[in-house]
C-alpha atoms as a PDB file:
ATOM      1  CA  UNK A   1    -121.009 -63.864 379.317  1.00  0.00           C
ATOM      2  CA  UNK A   2    -121.693 -60.458 377.799  1.00  0.00           C
ATOM      3  CA  UNK A   3    -119.362 -61.137 374.837  1.00  0.00           C
ATOM      4  CA  UNK A   4    -121.074 -64.466 374.104  1.00  0.00           C
ATOM      5  CA  UNK A   5    -124.529 -62.907 373.991  1.00  0.00           C
ATOM      6  CA  UNK A   6    -123.149 -60.152 371.727  1.00  0.00           C
ATOM      7  CA  UNK A   7    -121.688 -62.738 369.319  1.00  0.00           C
ATOM      8  CA  UNK A   8    -124.963 -64.732 369.280  1.00  0.00           C
ATOM      9  CA  UNK A   9    -126.974 -61.587 368.606  1.00  0.00           C
ATOM     10  CA  UNK A  10    -124.573 -60.495 365.858  1.00  0.00           C
ATOM     11  CA  UNK A  11    -124.641 -63.904 364.150  1.00  0.00           C
ATOM     12  CA  UNK A  12    -128.442 -64.058 364.346  1.00  0.00           C
ATOM     13  CA  UNK A  13    -128.772 -60.550 362.898  1.00  0.00           C
ATOM     14  CA  UNK A  14    -126.326 -61.409 360.115  1.00  0.00           C
ATOM     15  CA  UNK A  15    -128.205 -64.614 359.284  1.00  0.00           C
ATOM     16  CA  UNK A  16    -131.565 -62.839 359.166  1.00  0.00           C
ATOM     17  CA  UNK A  17    -130.099 -60.038 356.998  1.00  0.00           C
ATOM     18  CA  UNK A  18    -128.494 -62.451 354.514  1.00  0.00           C
ATOM     19  CA  UNK A  19    -131.667 -64.545 354.277  1.00  0.00           C
ATOM     20  CA  UNK A  20    -133.816 -61.456 353.681  1.00  0.00           C
ATOM     21  CA  UNK A  21    -131.378 -60.229 351.013  1.00  0.00           C
ATOM     22  CA  UNK A  22    -131.488 -63.581 349.306  1.00  0.00           C
ATOM     23  CA  UNK A  23    -135.291 -63.516 349.062  1.00  0.00           C
ATOM     24  CA  UNK A  24    -135.328 -59.843 348.048  1.00  0.00           C
ATOM     25  CA  UNK A  25    -132.586 -59.989 345.364  1.00  0.00           C
ATOM     26  CA  UNK A  26    -133.248 -63.471 343.976  1.00  0.00           C
ATOM     27  CA  UNK A  27    -134.685 -63.879 340.482  1.00  0.00           C
ATOM     28  CA  UNK A  28    -138.264 -65.106 340.840  1.00  0.00           C
ATOM     29  CA  UNK A  29    -138.975 -65.574 337.106  1.00  0.00           C
ATOM     30  CA  UNK A  30    -136.302 -67.865 335.631  1.00  0.00           C
ATOM     31  CA  UNK A  31    -135.873 -67.584 331.873  1.00  0.00           C
ATOM     32  CA  UNK A  32    -135.951 -70.416 329.352  1.00  0.00           C
ATOM     33  CA  UNK A  33    -132.216 -71.065 329.666  1.00  0.00           C
ATOM     34  CA  UNK A  34    -132.599 -71.806 333.371  1.00  0.00           C
ATOM     35  CA  UNK A  35    -135.554 -74.151 332.714  1.00  0.00           C
ATOM     36  CA  UNK A  36    -133.928 -76.088 329.881  1.00  0.00           C
ATOM     37  CA  UNK A  37    -132.317 -79.485 330.571  1.00  0.00           C
ATOM     38  CA  UNK A  38    -128.561 -79.229 330.918  1.00  0.00           C
ATOM     39  CA  UNK A  39    -126.571 -82.175 329.516  1.00  0.00           C
ATOM     40  CA  UNK A  40    -128.555 -84.766 331.390  1.00  0.00           C
ATOM     41  CA  UNK A  41    -131.597 -84.667 329.103  1.00  0.00           C
ATOM     42  CA  UNK A  42    -134.145 -84.795 331.929  1.00  0.00           C
ATOM     43  CA  UNK A  43    -137.073 -82.456 331.818  1.00  0.00           C
ATOM     44  CA  UNK A  44    -136.743 -80.108 334.825  1.00  0.00           C
ATOM     45  CA  UNK A  45    -140.474 -79.508 334.993  1.00  0.00           C
ATOM     46  CA  UNK A  46    -141.470 -83.173 334.828  1.00  0.00           C
ATOM     47  CA  UNK A  47    -142.224 -85.487 337.688  1.00  0.00           C
ATOM     48  CA  UNK A  48    -139.368 -86.283 340.046  1.00  0.00           C
ATOM     49  CA  UNK A  49    -140.886 -89.666 340.882  1.00  0.00           C
ATOM     50  CA  UNK A  50    -140.151 -91.451 337.603  1.00  0.00           C
ATOM     51  CA  UNK A  51    -139.026 -95.093 337.852  1.00  0.00           C
ATOM     52  CA  UNK A  52    -135.274 -95.482 338.149  1.00  0.00           C
ATOM     53  CA  UNK A  53    -133.399 -97.962 335.980  1.00  0.00           C
ATOM     54  CA  UNK A  54    -131.931-100.754 338.104  1.00  0.00           C
ATOM     55  CA  UNK A  55    -129.458-101.554 335.278  1.00  0.00           C
ATOM     56  CA  UNK A  56    -128.077 -98.031 335.479  1.00  0.00           C
ATOM     57  CA  UNK A  57    -127.741 -98.370 339.265  1.00  0.00           C
ATOM     58  CA  UNK A  58    -125.924-101.674 338.867  1.00  0.00           C
ATOM     59  CA  UNK A  59    -123.451-100.213 336.390  1.00  0.00           C
ATOM     60  CA  UNK A  60    -122.850 -97.281 338.707  1.00  0.00           C
ATOM     61  CA  UNK A  61    -122.132 -99.654 341.635  1.00  0.00           C
ATOM     62  CA  UNK A  62    -119.766-101.677 339.458  1.00  0.00           C
ATOM     63  CA  UNK A  63    -117.963 -98.484 338.471  1.00  0.00           C
ATOM     64  CA  UNK A  64    -117.567 -97.570 342.153  1.00  0.00           C
ATOM     65  CA  UNK A  65    -116.182-101.047 342.917  1.00  0.00           C
ATOM     66  CA  UNK A  66    -113.548-100.855 340.222  1.00  0.00           C
ATOM     67  CA  UNK A  67    -112.740 -97.310 341.161  1.00  0.00           C
ATOM     68  CA  UNK A  68    -112.159 -98.549 344.738  1.00  0.00           C
ATOM     69  CA  UNK A  69    -109.889-101.245 343.319  1.00  0.00           C
ATOM     70  CA  UNK A  70    -107.627 -98.552 341.853  1.00  0.00           C
ATOM     71  CA  UNK A  71    -107.487 -96.793 345.215  1.00  0.00           C
ATOM     72  CA  UNK A  72    -106.543-100.057 346.945  1.00  0.00           C
ATOM     73  CA  UNK A  73    -103.854-100.970 344.440  1.00  0.00           C
ATOM     74  CA  UNK A  74    -102.360 -97.507 344.029  1.00  0.00           C
ATOM     75  CA  UNK A  75     -99.764 -97.867 346.842  1.00  0.00           C
ATOM     76  CA  UNK A  76     -98.600-101.234 345.460  1.00  0.00           C
ATOM     77  CA  UNK A  77     -95.310 -99.943 343.911  1.00  0.00           C
ATOM     78  CA  UNK A  78     -94.276 -98.551 347.265  1.00  0.00           C
ATOM     79  CA  UNK A  79     -95.440-101.631 349.164  1.00  0.00           C
ATOM     80  CA  UNK A  80     -93.220-103.889 347.041  1.00  0.00           C
ATOM     81  CA  UNK A  81     -90.209-102.159 348.612  1.00  0.00           C
ATOM     82  CA  UNK A  82     -91.227-103.409 352.056  1.00  0.00           C
ATOM     83  CA  UNK A  83     -89.477-106.277 353.818  1.00  0.00           C
ATOM     84  CA  UNK A  84     -91.929-108.903 352.622  1.00  0.00           C
ATOM     85  CA  UNK A  85     -92.862-108.046 349.020  1.00  0.00           C
ATOM     86  CA  UNK A  86     -94.170-111.595 348.429  1.00  0.00           C
ATOM     87  CA  UNK A  87     -96.941-111.084 350.980  1.00  0.00           C
ATOM     88  CA  UNK A  88     -97.828-107.766 349.392  1.00  0.00           C
ATOM     89  CA  UNK A  89     -97.999-109.310 345.936  1.00  0.00           C
ATOM     90  CA  UNK A  90    -100.154-112.197 347.183  1.00  0.00           C
ATOM     91  CA  UNK A  91    -102.603-109.834 348.835  1.00  0.00           C
ATOM     92  CA  UNK A  92    -102.745-107.598 345.694  1.00  0.00           C
ATOM     93  CA  UNK A  93    -103.288-110.682 343.526  1.00  0.00           C
ATOM     94  CA  UNK A  94    -106.074-111.882 345.796  1.00  0.00           C
ATOM     95  CA  UNK A  95    -107.830-108.481 345.530  1.00  0.00           C
ATOM     96  CA  UNK A  96    -107.538-108.571 341.695  1.00  0.00           C
ATOM     97  CA  UNK A  97    -108.722-112.183 341.559  1.00  0.00           C
ATOM     98  CA  UNK A  98    -111.725-111.446 343.768  1.00  0.00           C
ATOM     99  CA  UNK A  99    -112.707-108.522 341.554  1.00  0.00           C
ATOM    100  CA  UNK A 100    -112.258-110.575 338.372  1.00  0.00           C
ATOM    101  CA  UNK A 101    -114.433-113.349 339.769  1.00  0.00           C
ATOM    102  CA  UNK A 102    -117.093-110.815 340.694  1.00  0.00           C
ATOM    103  CA  UNK A 103    -116.951-109.311 337.208  1.00  0.00           C
ATOM    104  CA  UNK A 104    -117.296-112.764 335.614  1.00  0.00           C
ATOM    105  CA  UNK A 105    -120.282-113.494 337.850  1.00  0.00           C
ATOM    106  CA  UNK A 106    -121.967-110.230 336.890  1.00  0.00           C
ATOM    107  CA  UNK A 107    -121.250-110.891 333.242  1.00  0.00           C
ATOM    108  CA  UNK A 108    -122.744-114.406 333.332  1.00  0.00           C
ATOM    109  CA  UNK A 109    -125.806-113.199 335.204  1.00  0.00           C
ATOM    110  CA  UNK A 110    -126.438-110.554 332.511  1.00  0.00           C
ATOM    111  CA  UNK A 111    -125.971-107.577 334.798  1.00  0.00           C
ATOM    112  CA  UNK A 112    -123.878-105.706 332.240  1.00  0.00           C
ATOM    113  CA  UNK A 113    -126.402-105.940 329.362  1.00  0.00           C
ATOM    114  CA  UNK A 114    -128.422-102.763 328.655  1.00  0.00           C
ATOM    115  CA  UNK A 115    -131.008-104.388 326.394  1.00  0.00           C
ATOM    116  CA  UNK A 116    -133.808-106.096 328.230  1.00  0.00           C
END
């Protein structure tokens, strides 16, 4: 029990020391380079509650879906070597067909158009 209390005290002291050092050594006045927008183009001093583009969100979700498709179809060359490659190919084809139908639906609904 004595060793446990020593370890708790040591970890608490180390946490307090590191937190105090962080506040003491940190730079409180960032320069213009730190305040300038980096690659994203957003103003870092502006409001964080600006309206978010639903179109951008939809394209991001579509990207994640097709990225997931690659992850699902990646083991396909090894799965063809199994004892029933026809079943594997049918399942892979059904995944691709489902994604193509979803893409056609999004395209016809205008979800991929940026101009409003």
